[in-house]
Amino acid sequence: GKPKTLYMQTVPSLKMATKPNLKKTLQELELVSGQQILVADVTTPN
């Protein structure tokens, strides 16, 4: 029920904090099948 940032590179402080996650597997990040991944990008406002 709580938001968790997996990786964010547009904000320098968040990029430094979440960069180690890139080397982790999805299971190590405690993600499960059926879980929603929310993605933000400059190509869309939504």
Full PDB file with SEQRES, HELIX, SHEET, SSBOND, CRYST1, ORIGX, SCALE, CONECT and MASTER records, all heavy atoms in Angstrom:
SEQRES   1 A   46  GLY LYS PRO LYS THR LEU TYR MET GLN THR VAL PRO SER          
SEQRES   2 A   46  LEU LYS MET ALA THR LYS PRO ASN LEU LYS LYS THR LEU          
SEQRES   3 A   46  GLN GLU LEU GLU LEU VAL SER GLY GLN GLN ILE LEU VAL          
SEQRES   4 A   46  ALA ASP VAL THR THR PRO ASN                                  
HELIX    1 AA1 PRO A   12  THR A   18  1                                   7    
HELIX    2 AA2 LYS A   19  LYS A   23  5                                   5    
CRYST1    1.000    1.000    1.000  90.00  90.00  90.00 P 1           1          
ORIGX1      1.000000  0.000000  0.000000        0.00000                         
ORIGX2      0.000000  1.000000  0.000000        0.00000                         
ORIGX3      0.000000  0.000000  1.000000        0.00000                         
SCALE1      1.000000  0.000000  0.000000        0.00000                         
SCALE2      0.000000  1.000000  0.000000        0.00000                         
SCALE3      0.000000  0.000000  1.000000        0.00000                         
ATOM      1  N   GLY A   1       0.787  -1.229   0.000  1.00  0.00           N  
ATOM      2  CA  GLY A   1       0.000   0.000   0.000  1.00  0.00           C  
ATOM      3  C   GLY A   1       0.815   1.273   0.000  1.00  0.00           C  
ATOM      4  O   GLY A   1       0.255   2.372  -0.002  1.00  0.00           O  
ATOM      5  N   LYS A   2       2.152   1.162  -0.045  1.00  0.00           N  
ATOM      6  CA  LYS A   2       3.012   2.340  -0.008  1.00  0.00           C  
ATOM      7  C   LYS A   2       3.828   2.428  -1.293  1.00  0.00           C  
ATOM      8  O   LYS A   2       4.310   1.408  -1.798  1.00  0.00           O  
ATOM      9  CB  LYS A   2       3.951   2.288   1.203  1.00  0.00           C  
ATOM     10  CG  LYS A   2       3.231   2.326   2.541  1.00  0.00           C  
ATOM     11  CD  LYS A   2       4.235   2.302   3.697  1.00  0.00           C  
ATOM     12  CE  LYS A   2       3.519   2.345   5.038  1.00  0.00           C  
ATOM     13  NZ  LYS A   2       4.483   2.317   6.176  1.00  0.00           N  
ATOM     14  N   PRO A   3       4.003   3.637  -1.843  1.00  0.00           N  
ATOM     15  CA  PRO A   3       4.799   3.778  -3.071  1.00  0.00           C  
ATOM     16  C   PRO A   3       6.278   3.503  -2.806  1.00  0.00           C  
ATOM     17  O   PRO A   3       6.816   3.878  -1.769  1.00  0.00           O  
ATOM     18  CB  PRO A   3       4.563   5.241  -3.478  1.00  0.00           C  
ATOM     19  CG  PRO A   3       4.171   5.940  -2.217  1.00  0.00           C  
ATOM     20  CD  PRO A   3       3.445   4.928  -1.383  1.00  0.00           C  
ATOM     21  N   LYS A   4       6.925   2.832  -3.761  1.00  0.00           N  
ATOM     22  CA  LYS A   4       8.348   2.536  -3.658  1.00  0.00           C  
ATOM     23  C   LYS A   4       9.011   2.894  -4.975  1.00  0.00           C  
ATOM     24  O   LYS A   4       8.598   2.427  -6.035  1.00  0.00           O  
ATOM     25  CB  LYS A   4       8.553   1.052  -3.353  1.00  0.00           C  
ATOM     26  CG  LYS A   4      10.026   0.633  -3.311  1.00  0.00           C  
ATOM     27  CD  LYS A   4      10.168  -0.845  -3.043  1.00  0.00           C  
ATOM     28  CE  LYS A   4      11.638  -1.270  -3.043  1.00  0.00           C  
ATOM     29  NZ  LYS A   4      11.803  -2.720  -2.768  1.00  0.00           N  
ATOM     30  N   THR A   5      10.020   3.743  -4.915  1.00  0.00           N  
ATOM     31  CA  THR A   5      10.764   4.137  -6.117  1.00  0.00           C  
ATOM     32  C   THR A   5      11.827   3.101  -6.403  1.00  0.00           C  
ATOM     33  O   THR A   5      12.729   2.868  -5.582  1.00  0.00           O  
ATOM     34  CB  THR A   5      11.406   5.528  -5.945  1.00  0.00           C  
ATOM     35  OG1 THR A   5      10.386   6.495  -5.699  1.00  0.00           O  
ATOM     36  CG2 THR A   5      12.159   5.922  -7.204  1.00  0.00           C  
ATOM     37  N   LEU A   6      11.735   2.480  -7.579  1.00  0.00           N  
ATOM     38  CA  LEU A   6      12.717   1.482  -7.977  1.00  0.00           C  
ATOM     39  C   LEU A   6      13.934   2.132  -8.618  1.00  0.00           C  
ATOM     40  O   LEU A   6      15.071   1.770  -8.326  1.00  0.00           O  
ATOM     41  CB  LEU A   6      12.081   0.493  -8.959  1.00  0.00           C  
ATOM     42  CG  LEU A   6      10.890  -0.309  -8.420  1.00  0.00           C  
ATOM     43  CD1 LEU A   6      10.260  -1.117  -9.536  1.00  0.00           C  
ATOM     44  CD2 LEU A   6      11.323  -1.207  -7.274  1.00  0.00           C  
ATOM     45  N   TYR A   7      13.688   3.082  -9.507  1.00  0.00           N  
ATOM     46  CA  TYR A   7      14.788   3.809 -10.151  1.00  0.00           C  
ATOM     47  C   TYR A   7      14.255   5.103 -10.734  1.00  0.00           C  
ATOM     48  O   TYR A   7      13.198   5.122 -11.380  1.00  0.00           O  
ATOM     49  CB  TYR A   7      15.428   2.975 -11.259  1.00  0.00           C  
ATOM     50  CG  TYR A   7      16.576   3.683 -11.956  1.00  0.00           C  
ATOM     51  CD1 TYR A   7      17.721   4.055 -11.258  1.00  0.00           C  
ATOM     52  CD2 TYR A   7      16.506   3.977 -13.312  1.00  0.00           C  
ATOM     53  CE1 TYR A   7      18.768   4.702 -11.893  1.00  0.00           C  
ATOM     54  CE2 TYR A   7      17.555   4.622 -13.959  1.00  0.00           C  
ATOM     55  CZ  TYR A   7      18.687   4.993 -13.242  1.00  0.00           C  
ATOM     56  OH  TYR A   7      19.711   5.645 -13.868  1.00  0.00           O  
ATOM     57  N   MET A   8      14.969   6.196 -10.486  1.00  0.00           N  
ATOM     58  CA  MET A   8      14.579   7.508 -11.002  1.00  0.00           C  
ATOM     59  C   MET A   8      15.850   8.265 -11.361  1.00  0.00           C  
ATOM     60  O   MET A   8      16.674   8.542 -10.502  1.00  0.00           O  
ATOM     61  CB  MET A   8      13.773   8.286  -9.948  1.00  0.00           C  
ATOM     62  CG  MET A   8      13.177   9.575 -10.454  1.00  0.00           C  
ATOM     63  SD  MET A   8      11.847   9.312 -11.647  1.00  0.00           S  
ATOM     64  CE  MET A   8      10.625   8.522 -10.613  1.00  0.00           C  
ATOM     65  N   GLN A   9      16.010   8.611 -12.662  1.00  0.00           N  
ATOM     66  CA  GLN A   9      17.259   9.240 -13.085  1.00  0.00           C  
ATOM     67  C   GLN A   9      17.131  10.721 -13.397  1.00  0.00           C  
ATOM     68  O   GLN A   9      18.133  11.379 -13.656  1.00  0.00           O  
ATOM     69  CB  GLN A   9      17.818   8.514 -14.304  1.00  0.00           C  
ATOM     70  CG  GLN A   9      16.866   8.354 -15.466  1.00  0.00           C  
ATOM     71  CD  GLN A   9      17.481   7.529 -16.580  1.00  0.00           C  
ATOM     72  OE1 GLN A   9      18.606   7.776 -17.001  1.00  0.00           O  
ATOM     73  NE2 GLN A   9      16.748   6.541 -17.067  1.00  0.00           N  
ATOM     74  N   THR A  10      15.912  11.258 -13.384  1.00  0.00           N  
ATOM     75  CA  THR A  10      15.746  12.672 -13.715  1.00  0.00           C  
ATOM     76  C   THR A  10      15.991  13.583 -12.517  1.00  0.00           C  
ATOM     77  O   THR A  10      16.205  14.773 -12.676  1.00  0.00           O  
ATOM     78  CB  THR A  10      14.329  12.925 -14.260  1.00  0.00           C  
ATOM     79  OG1 THR A  10      13.360  12.425 -13.323  1.00  0.00           O  
ATOM     80  CG2 THR A  10      14.137  12.230 -15.596  1.00  0.00           C  
ATOM     81  N   VAL A  11      15.950  13.020 -11.321  1.00  0.00           N  
ATOM     82  CA  VAL A  11      16.244  13.795 -10.101  1.00  0.00           C  
ATOM     83  C   VAL A  11      17.571  13.284  -9.540  1.00  0.00           C  
ATOM     84  O   VAL A  11      17.672  12.113  -9.154  1.00  0.00           O  
ATOM     85  CB  VAL A  11      15.124  13.624  -9.049  1.00  0.00           C  
ATOM     86  CG1 VAL A  11      15.443  14.448  -7.805  1.00  0.00           C  
ATOM     87  CG2 VAL A  11      13.770  14.020  -9.635  1.00  0.00           C  
ATOM     88  N   PRO A  12      18.629  14.123  -9.531  1.00  0.00           N  
ATOM     89  CA  PRO A  12      19.968  13.662  -9.137  1.00  0.00           C  
ATOM     90  C   PRO A  12      20.013  12.917  -7.802  1.00  0.00           C  
ATOM     91  O   PRO A  12      20.668  11.880  -7.688  1.00  0.00           O  
ATOM     92  CB  PRO A  12      20.795  14.952  -9.091  1.00  0.00           C  
ATOM     93  CG  PRO A  12      20.103  15.865 -10.062  1.00  0.00           C  
ATOM     94  CD  PRO A  12      18.643  15.537  -9.950  1.00  0.00           C  
ATOM     95  N   SER A  13      19.327  13.431  -6.781  1.00  0.00           N  
ATOM     96  CA  SER A  13      19.375  12.789  -5.465  1.00  0.00           C  
ATOM     97  C   SER A  13      18.732  11.406  -5.499  1.00  0.00           C  
ATOM     98  O   SER A  13      19.247  10.452  -4.902  1.00  0.00           O  
ATOM     99  CB  SER A  13      18.664  13.673  -4.424  1.00  0.00           C  
ATOM    100  OG  SER A  13      17.311  13.908  -4.793  1.00  0.00           O  
ATOM    101  N   LEU A  14      17.588  11.293  -6.230  1.00  0.00           N  
ATOM    102  CA  LEU A  14      16.928   9.990  -6.347  1.00  0.00           C  
ATOM    103  C   LEU A  14      17.743   9.030  -7.201  1.00  0.00           C  
ATOM    104  O   LEU A  14      17.757   7.824  -6.958  1.00  0.00           O  
ATOM    105  CB  LEU A  14      15.523  10.163  -6.939  1.00  0.00           C  
ATOM    106  CG  LEU A  14      14.444  10.695  -6.002  1.00  0.00           C  
ATOM    107  CD1 LEU A  14      13.137  10.896  -6.750  1.00  0.00           C  
ATOM    108  CD2 LEU A  14      14.239   9.740  -4.831  1.00  0.00           C  
ATOM    109  N   LYS A  15      18.436   9.561  -8.197  1.00  0.00           N  
ATOM    110  CA  LYS A  15      19.262   8.712  -9.044  1.00  0.00           C  
ATOM    111  C   LYS A  15      20.370   8.061  -8.227  1.00  0.00           C  
ATOM    112  O   LYS A  15      20.639   6.858  -8.361  1.00  0.00           O  
ATOM    113  CB  LYS A  15      19.858   9.528 -10.193  1.00  0.00           C  
ATOM    114  CG  LYS A  15      20.709   8.700 -11.145  1.00  0.00           C  
ATOM    115  CD  LYS A  15      21.233   9.539 -12.312  1.00  0.00           C  
ATOM    116  CE  LYS A  15      22.067   8.686 -13.257  1.00  0.00           C  
ATOM    117  NZ  LYS A  15      22.566   9.477 -14.416  1.00  0.00           N  
ATOM    118  N   MET A  16      21.012   8.856  -7.360  1.00  0.00           N  
ATOM    119  CA  MET A  16      22.083   8.324  -6.518  1.00  0.00           C  
ATOM    120  C   MET A  16      21.536   7.294  -5.545  1.00  0.00           C  
ATOM    121  O   MET A  16      22.173   6.260  -5.290  1.00  0.00           O  
ATOM    122  CB  MET A  16      22.759   9.462  -5.754  1.00  0.00           C  
ATOM    123  CG  MET A  16      23.581  10.396  -6.633  1.00  0.00           C  
ATOM    124  SD  MET A  16      25.004   9.549  -7.378  1.00  0.00           S  
ATOM    125  CE  MET A  16      25.943   9.121  -5.922  1.00  0.00           C  
ATOM    126  N   ALA A  17      20.334   7.548  -5.020  1.00  0.00           N  
ATOM    127  CA  ALA A  17      19.762   6.651  -4.013  1.00  0.00           C  
ATOM    128  C   ALA A  17      19.272   5.339  -4.615  1.00  0.00           C  
ATOM    129  O   ALA A  17      19.309   4.293  -3.949  1.00  0.00           O  
ATOM    130  CB  ALA A  17      18.611   7.356  -3.292  1.00  0.00           C  
ATOM    131  N   THR A  18      18.803   5.384  -5.857  1.00  0.00           N  
ATOM    132  CA  THR A  18      18.194   4.190  -6.469  1.00  0.00           C  
ATOM    133  C   THR A  18      19.095   3.475  -7.468  1.00  0.00           C  
ATOM    134  O   THR A  18      18.749   2.398  -7.942  1.00  0.00           O  
ATOM    135  CB  THR A  18      16.881   4.577  -7.179  1.00  0.00           C  
ATOM    136  OG1 THR A  18      17.156   5.568  -8.192  1.00  0.00           O  
ATOM    137  CG2 THR A  18      15.869   5.120  -6.195  1.00  0.00           C  
ATOM    138  N   LYS A  19      20.243   4.042  -7.793  1.00  0.00           N  
ATOM    139  CA  LYS A  19      21.135   3.419  -8.772  1.00  0.00           C  
ATOM    140  C   LYS A  19      21.557   2.005  -8.382  1.00  0.00           C  
ATOM    141  O   LYS A  19      21.658   1.124  -9.254  1.00  0.00           O  
ATOM    142  CB  LYS A  19      22.361   4.309  -8.995  1.00  0.00           C  
ATOM    143  CG  LYS A  19      23.228   3.867 -10.166  1.00  0.00           C  
ATOM    144  CD  LYS A  19      24.356   4.864 -10.428  1.00  0.00           C  
ATOM    145  CE  LYS A  19      25.185   4.430 -11.629  1.00  0.00           C  
ATOM    146  NZ  LYS A  19      26.281   5.405 -11.902  1.00  0.00           N  
ATOM    147  N   PRO A  20      21.798   1.711  -7.099  1.00  0.00           N  
ATOM    148  CA  PRO A  20      22.158   0.332  -6.734  1.00  0.00           C  
ATOM    149  C   PRO A  20      21.082  -0.691  -7.103  1.00  0.00           C  
ATOM    150  O   PRO A  20      21.390  -1.871  -7.288  1.00  0.00           O  
ATOM    151  CB  PRO A  20      22.348   0.415  -5.214  1.00  0.00           C  
ATOM    152  CG  PRO A  20      22.737   1.842  -4.964  1.00  0.00           C  
ATOM    153  CD  PRO A  20      21.939   2.634  -5.959  1.00  0.00           C  
ATOM    154  N   ASN A  21      19.819  -0.264  -7.215  1.00  0.00           N  
ATOM    155  CA  ASN A  21      18.741  -1.195  -7.565  1.00  0.00           C  
ATOM    156  C   ASN A  21      18.912  -1.785  -8.964  1.00  0.00           C  
ATOM    157  O   ASN A  21      18.381  -2.854  -9.254  1.00  0.00           O  
ATOM    158  CB  ASN A  21      17.385  -0.500  -7.480  1.00  0.00           C  
ATOM    159  CG  ASN A  21      16.968  -0.220  -6.050  1.00  0.00           C  
ATOM    160  OD1 ASN A  21      17.515  -0.804  -5.109  1.00  0.00           O  
ATOM    161  ND2 ASN A  21      16.010   0.674  -5.877  1.00  0.00           N  
ATOM    162  N   LEU A  22      19.629  -1.077  -9.827  1.00  0.00           N  
ATOM    163  CA  LEU A  22      19.783  -1.551 -11.205  1.00  0.00           C  
ATOM    164  C   LEU A  22      20.492  -2.901 -11.273  1.00  0.00           C  
ATOM    165  O   LEU A  22      20.258  -3.684 -12.199  1.00  0.00           O  
ATOM    166  CB  LEU A  22      20.555  -0.512 -12.031  1.00  0.00           C  
ATOM    167  CG  LEU A  22      19.860   0.835 -12.258  1.00  0.00           C  
ATOM    168  CD1 LEU A  22      20.798   1.797 -12.985  1.00  0.00           C  
ATOM    169  CD2 LEU A  22      18.574   0.651 -13.050  1.00  0.00           C  
ATOM    170  N   LYS A  23      21.354  -3.195 -10.298  1.00  0.00           N  
ATOM    171  CA  LYS A  23      22.107  -4.453 -10.299  1.00  0.00           C  
ATOM    172  C   LYS A  23      21.357  -5.578  -9.597  1.00  0.00           C  
ATOM    173  O   LYS A  23      21.811  -6.725  -9.603  1.00  0.00           O  
ATOM    174  CB  LYS A  23      23.468  -4.236  -9.630  1.00  0.00           C  
ATOM    175  CG  LYS A  23      24.350  -3.222 -10.350  1.00  0.00           C  
ATOM    176  CD  LYS A  23      25.693  -3.071  -9.654  1.00  0.00           C  
ATOM    177  CE  LYS A  23      26.587  -2.064 -10.384  1.00  0.00           C  
ATOM    178  NZ  LYS A  23      27.895  -1.902  -9.709  1.00  0.00           N  
ATOM    179  N   LYS A  24      20.206  -5.248  -9.004  1.00  0.00           N  
ATOM    180  CA  LYS A  24      19.437  -6.258  -8.281  1.00  0.00           C  
ATOM    181  C   LYS A  24      18.429  -6.933  -9.205  1.00  0.00           C  
ATOM    182  O   LYS A  24      17.946  -6.337 -10.164  1.00  0.00           O  
ATOM    183  CB  LYS A  24      18.700  -5.614  -7.104  1.00  0.00           C  
ATOM    184  CG  LYS A  24      19.616  -5.020  -6.043  1.00  0.00           C  
ATOM    185  CD  LYS A  24      18.803  -4.422  -4.903  1.00  0.00           C  
ATOM    186  CE  LYS A  24      19.718  -3.828  -3.831  1.00  0.00           C  
ATOM    187  NZ  LYS A  24      18.930  -3.222  -2.724  1.00  0.00           N  
ATOM    188  N   THR A  25      18.107  -8.192  -8.891  1.00  0.00           N  
ATOM    189  CA  THR A  25      17.077  -8.895  -9.651  1.00  0.00           C  
ATOM    190  C   THR A  25      15.701  -8.451  -9.162  1.00  0.00           C  
ATOM    191  O   THR A  25      15.572  -7.852  -8.086  1.00  0.00           O  
ATOM    192  CB  THR A  25      17.214 -10.410  -9.496  1.00  0.00           C  
ATOM    193  OG1 THR A  25      16.920 -10.771  -8.133  1.00  0.00           O  
ATOM    194  CG2 THR A  25      18.620 -10.861  -9.866  1.00  0.00           C  
ATOM    195  N   LEU A  26      14.685  -8.789  -9.950  1.00  0.00           N  
ATOM    196  CA  LEU A  26      13.318  -8.418  -9.568  1.00  0.00           C  
ATOM    197  C   LEU A  26      12.913  -9.094  -8.263  1.00  0.00           C  
ATOM    198  O   LEU A  26      12.206  -8.497  -7.443  1.00  0.00           O  
ATOM    199  CB  LEU A  26      12.349  -8.790 -10.692  1.00  0.00           C  
ATOM    200  CG  LEU A  26      12.623  -8.159 -12.062  1.00  0.00           C  
ATOM    201  CD1 LEU A  26      11.548  -8.564 -13.060  1.00  0.00           C  
ATOM    202  CD2 LEU A  26      12.690  -6.643 -11.961  1.00  0.00           C  
ATOM    203  N   GLN A  27      13.361 -10.319  -8.063  1.00  0.00           N  
ATOM    204  CA  GLN A  27      13.054 -11.006  -6.816  1.00  0.00           C  
ATOM    205  C   GLN A  27      13.775 -10.373  -5.642  1.00  0.00           C  
ATOM    206  O   GLN A  27      13.216 -10.258  -4.542  1.00  0.00           O  
ATOM    207  CB  GLN A  27      13.415 -12.488  -6.930  1.00  0.00           C  
ATOM    208  CG  GLN A  27      12.470 -13.267  -7.853  1.00  0.00           C  
ATOM    209  CD  GLN A  27      12.789 -14.746  -7.909  1.00  0.00           C  
ATOM    210  OE1 GLN A  27      13.894 -15.164  -7.546  1.00  0.00           O  
ATOM    211  NE2 GLN A  27      11.837 -15.540  -8.384  1.00  0.00           N  
ATOM    212  N   GLU A  28      15.012  -9.943  -5.862  1.00  0.00           N  
ATOM    213  CA  GLU A  28      15.745  -9.265  -4.783  1.00  0.00           C  
ATOM    214  C   GLU A  28      15.086  -7.952  -4.409  1.00  0.00           C  
ATOM    215  O   GLU A  28      15.191  -7.491  -3.260  1.00  0.00           O  
ATOM    216  CB  GLU A  28      17.191  -9.026  -5.215  1.00  0.00           C  
ATOM    217  CG  GLU A  28      18.033 -10.297  -5.283  1.00  0.00           C  
ATOM    218  CD  GLU A  28      19.412 -10.056  -5.870  1.00  0.00           C  
ATOM    219  OE1 GLU A  28      19.588  -9.026  -6.563  1.00  0.00           O  
ATOM    220  OE2 GLU A  28      20.304 -10.879  -5.632  1.00  0.00           O  
ATOM    221  N   LEU A  29      14.384  -7.351  -5.369  1.00  0.00           N  
ATOM    222  CA  LEU A  29      13.657  -6.109  -5.094  1.00  0.00           C  
ATOM    223  C   LEU A  29      12.275  -6.384  -4.510  1.00  0.00           C  
ATOM    224  O   LEU A  29      11.479  -5.464  -4.318  1.00  0.00           O  
ATOM    225  CB  LEU A  29      13.516  -5.288  -6.382  1.00  0.00           C  
ATOM    226  CG  LEU A  29      14.810  -4.698  -6.940  1.00  0.00           C  
ATOM    227  CD1 LEU A  29      14.588  -4.153  -8.340  1.00  0.00           C  
ATOM    228  CD2 LEU A  29      15.336  -3.610  -6.016  1.00  0.00           C  
ATOM    229  N   GLU A  30      11.989  -7.679  -4.230  1.00  0.00           N  
ATOM    230  CA  GLU A  30      10.736  -8.129  -3.614  1.00  0.00           C  
ATOM    231  C   GLU A  30       9.520  -7.846  -4.502  1.00  0.00           C  
ATOM    232  O   GLU A  30       8.427  -7.573  -4.020  1.00  0.00           O  
ATOM    233  CB  GLU A  30      10.541  -7.470  -2.237  1.00  0.00           C  
ATOM    234  CG  GLU A  30      11.659  -7.792  -1.265  1.00  0.00           C  
ATOM    235  CD  GLU A  30      11.434  -7.144   0.090  1.00  0.00           C  
ATOM    236  OE1 GLU A  30      10.575  -6.247   0.186  1.00  0.00           O  
ATOM    237  OE2 GLU A  30      12.109  -7.530   1.057  1.00  0.00           O  
ATOM    238  N   LEU A  31       9.755  -7.924  -5.824  1.00  0.00           N  
ATOM    239  CA  LEU A  31       8.648  -7.786  -6.766  1.00  0.00           C  
ATOM    240  C   LEU A  31       8.072  -9.171  -7.052  1.00  0.00           C  
ATOM    241  O   LEU A  31       8.796 -10.172  -7.069  1.00  0.00           O  
ATOM    242  CB  LEU A  31       9.125  -7.142  -8.063  1.00  0.00           C  
ATOM    243  CG  LEU A  31       9.754  -5.743  -7.941  1.00  0.00           C  
ATOM    244  CD1 LEU A  31      10.174  -5.223  -9.306  1.00  0.00           C  
ATOM    245  CD2 LEU A  31       8.784  -4.773  -7.284  1.00  0.00           C  
ATOM    246  N   VAL A  32       6.759  -9.224  -7.288  1.00  0.00           N  
ATOM    247  CA  VAL A  32       6.087 -10.493  -7.531  1.00  0.00           C  
ATOM    248  C   VAL A  32       5.330 -10.425  -8.853  1.00  0.00           C  
ATOM    249  O   VAL A  32       5.017  -9.344  -9.361  1.00  0.00           O  
ATOM    250  CB  VAL A  32       5.112 -10.834  -6.380  1.00  0.00           C  
ATOM    251  CG1 VAL A  32       5.877 -11.012  -5.081  1.00  0.00           C  
ATOM    252  CG2 VAL A  32       4.043  -9.761  -6.244  1.00  0.00           C  
ATOM    253  N   SER A  33       5.026 -11.587  -9.396  1.00  0.00           N  
ATOM    254  CA  SER A  33       4.254 -11.640 -10.633  1.00  0.00           C  
ATOM    255  C   SER A  33       2.867 -11.057 -10.393  1.00  0.00           C  
ATOM    256  O   SER A  33       2.228 -11.334  -9.373  1.00  0.00           O  
ATOM    257  CB  SER A  33       4.145 -13.093 -11.104  1.00  0.00           C  
ATOM    258  OG  SER A  33       3.528 -13.164 -12.374  1.00  0.00           O  
ATOM    259  N   GLY A  34       2.417 -10.226 -11.332  1.00  0.00           N  
ATOM    260  CA  GLY A  34       1.128  -9.559 -11.189  1.00  0.00           C  
ATOM    261  C   GLY A  34       1.233  -8.169 -10.586  1.00  0.00           C  
ATOM    262  O   GLY A  34       0.226  -7.460 -10.490  1.00  0.00           O  
ATOM    263  N   GLN A  35       2.446  -7.768 -10.196  1.00  0.00           N  
ATOM    264  CA  GLN A  35       2.640  -6.454  -9.596  1.00  0.00           C  
ATOM    265  C   GLN A  35       2.665  -5.369 -10.666  1.00  0.00           C  
ATOM    266  O   GLN A  35       3.204  -5.559 -11.752  1.00  0.00           O  
ATOM    267  CB  GLN A  35       3.944  -6.429  -8.806  1.00  0.00           C  
ATOM    268  CG  GLN A  35       4.131  -5.188  -7.945  1.00  0.00           C  
ATOM    269  CD  GLN A  35       5.103  -5.458  -6.804  1.00  0.00           C  
ATOM    270  OE1 GLN A  35       5.690  -6.524  -6.715  1.00  0.00           O  
ATOM    271  NE2 GLN A  35       5.238  -4.505  -5.917  1.00  0.00           N  
ATOM    272  N   GLN A  36       2.077  -4.233 -10.359  1.00  0.00           N  
ATOM    273  CA  GLN A  36       2.066  -3.120 -11.303  1.00  0.00           C  
ATOM    274  C   GLN A  36       3.348  -2.307 -11.183  1.00  0.00           C  
ATOM    275  O   GLN A  36       3.808  -2.009 -10.075  1.00  0.00           O  
ATOM    276  CB  GLN A  36       0.856  -2.208 -11.058  1.00  0.00           C  
ATOM    277  CG  GLN A  36      -0.470  -2.810 -11.480  1.00  0.00           C  
ATOM    278  CD  GLN A  36      -1.601  -1.805 -11.463  1.00  0.00           C  
ATOM    279  OE1 GLN A  36      -1.478  -0.706 -10.934  1.00  0.00           O  
ATOM    280  NE2 GLN A  36      -2.731  -2.174 -12.059  1.00  0.00           N  
ATOM    281  N   ILE A  37       3.913  -1.955 -12.355  1.00  0.00           N  
ATOM    282  CA  ILE A  37       5.084  -1.089 -12.424  1.00  0.00           C  
ATOM    283  C   ILE A  37       4.638   0.221 -13.061  1.00  0.00           C  
ATOM    284  O   ILE A  37       4.117   0.239 -14.182  1.00  0.00           O  
ATOM    285  CB  ILE A  37       6.213  -1.724 -13.266  1.00  0.00           C  
ATOM    286  CG1 ILE A  37       6.571  -3.116 -12.735  1.00  0.00           C  
ATOM    287  CG2 ILE A  37       7.432  -0.816 -13.290  1.00  0.00           C  
ATOM    288  CD1 ILE A  37       7.172  -3.102 -11.345  1.00  0.00           C  
ATOM    289  N   LEU A  38       4.817   1.317 -12.360  1.00  0.00           N  
ATOM    290  CA  LEU A  38       4.421   2.642 -12.850  1.00  0.00           C  
ATOM    291  C   LEU A  38       5.648   3.319 -13.439  1.00  0.00           C  
ATOM    292  O   LEU A  38       6.674   3.464 -12.765  1.00  0.00           O  
ATOM    293  CB  LEU A  38       3.830   3.470 -11.715  1.00  0.00           C  
ATOM    294  CG  LEU A  38       2.697   2.803 -10.917  1.00  0.00           C  
ATOM    295  CD1 LEU A  38       2.246   3.693  -9.765  1.00  0.00           C  
ATOM    296  CD2 LEU A  38       1.529   2.464 -11.826  1.00  0.00           C  
ATOM    297  N   VAL A  39       5.545   3.736 -14.691  1.00  0.00           N  
ATOM    298  CA  VAL A  39       6.694   4.284 -15.415  1.00  0.00           C  
ATOM    299  C   VAL A  39       6.410   5.711 -15.856  1.00  0.00           C  
ATOM    300  O   VAL A  39       5.367   5.990 -16.475  1.00  0.00           O  
ATOM    301  CB  VAL A  39       7.044   3.422 -16.646  1.00  0.00           C  
ATOM    302  CG1 VAL A  39       8.240   4.015 -17.384  1.00  0.00           C  
ATOM    303  CG2 VAL A  39       7.334   1.987 -16.228  1.00  0.00           C  
ATOM    304  N   ALA A  40       7.319   6.614 -15.540  1.00  0.00           N  
ATOM    305  CA  ALA A  40       7.234   8.013 -15.992  1.00  0.00           C  
ATOM    306  C   ALA A  40       8.378   8.278 -16.958  1.00  0.00           C  
ATOM    307  O   ALA A  40       9.491   7.776 -16.773  1.00  0.00           O  
ATOM    308  CB  ALA A  40       7.324   8.960 -14.797  1.00  0.00           C  
ATOM    309  N   ASP A  41       8.101   9.067 -18.004  1.00  0.00           N  
ATOM    310  CA  ASP A  41       9.121   9.357 -19.005  1.00  0.00           C  
ATOM    311  C   ASP A  41       8.801  10.692 -19.673  1.00  0.00           C  
ATOM    312  O   ASP A  41       7.641  11.140 -19.667  1.00  0.00           O  
ATOM    313  CB  ASP A  41       9.180   8.240 -20.050  1.00  0.00           C  
ATOM    314  CG  ASP A  41      10.377   8.360 -20.966  1.00  0.00           C  
ATOM    315  OD1 ASP A  41      11.516   8.287 -20.456  1.00  0.00           O  
ATOM    316  OD2 ASP A  41      10.193   8.563 -22.173  1.00  0.00           O  
ATOM    317  N   VAL A  42       9.810  11.315 -20.277  1.00  0.00           N  
ATOM    318  CA  VAL A  42       9.614  12.616 -20.924  1.00  0.00           C  
ATOM    319  C   VAL A  42       8.728  12.522 -22.157  1.00  0.00           C  
ATOM    320  O   VAL A  42       8.242  13.539 -22.663  1.00  0.00           O  
ATOM    321  CB  VAL A  42      10.962  13.252 -21.319  1.00  0.00           C  
ATOM    322  CG1 VAL A  42      11.784  13.581 -20.090  1.00  0.00           C  
ATOM    323  CG2 VAL A  42      11.741  12.324 -22.251  1.00  0.00           C  
ATOM    324  N   THR A  43       8.508  11.312 -22.674  1.00  0.00           N  
ATOM    325  CA  THR A  43       7.695  11.165 -23.869  1.00  0.00           C  
ATOM    326  C   THR A  43       6.199  11.236 -23.585  1.00  0.00           C  
ATOM    327  O   THR A  43       5.394  11.229 -24.521  1.00  0.00           O  
ATOM    328  CB  THR A  43       7.996   9.816 -24.551  1.00  0.00           C  
ATOM    329  OG1 THR A  43       7.759   8.751 -23.610  1.00  0.00           O  
ATOM    330  CG2 THR A  43       9.435   9.760 -25.015  1.00  0.00           C  
ATOM    331  N   THR A  44       5.807  11.311 -22.326  1.00  0.00           N  
ATOM    332  CA  THR A  44       4.391  11.370 -21.989  1.00  0.00           C  
ATOM    333  C   THR A  44       4.178  12.169 -20.703  1.00  0.00           C  
ATOM    334  O   THR A  44       4.995  12.086 -19.779  1.00  0.00           O  
ATOM    335  CB  THR A  44       3.800   9.961 -21.811  1.00  0.00           C  
ATOM    336  OG1 THR A  44       2.457  10.050 -21.292  1.00  0.00           O  
ATOM    337  CG2 THR A  44       4.629   9.127 -20.864  1.00  0.00           C  
ATOM    338  N   PRO A  45       3.086  12.949 -20.615  1.00  0.00           N  
ATOM    339  CA  PRO A  45       2.796  13.675 -19.384  1.00  0.00           C  
ATOM    340  C   PRO A  45       2.133  12.793 -18.338  1.00  0.00           C  
ATOM    341  O   PRO A  45       1.965  13.203 -17.183  1.00  0.00           O  
ATOM    342  CB  PRO A  45       1.826  14.771 -19.849  1.00  0.00           C  
ATOM    343  CG  PRO A  45       1.115  14.160 -21.006  1.00  0.00           C  
ATOM    344  CD  PRO A  45       2.127  13.273 -21.688  1.00  0.00           C  
ATOM    345  N   ASN A  46       1.716  11.579 -18.737  1.00  0.00           N  
ATOM    346  CA  ASN A  46       0.988  10.684 -17.836  1.00  0.00           C  
ATOM    347  C   ASN A  46       1.863   9.512 -17.415  1.00  0.00           C  
ATOM    348  O   ASN A  46       2.748   9.075 -18.149  1.00  0.00           O  
ATOM    349  CB  ASN A  46      -0.276  10.148 -18.534  1.00  0.00           C  
ATOM    350  CG  ASN A  46      -1.153  11.273 -19.067  1.00  0.00           C  
ATOM    351  OD1 ASN A  46      -1.450  12.213 -18.349  1.00  0.00           O  
ATOM    352  ND2 ASN A  46      -1.548  11.182 -20.328  1.00  0.00           N  
TER     353      ASN A  46                                                      
MASTER        0    0    0    2    0    0    0    6  352    1    0    4          
END                                                                             
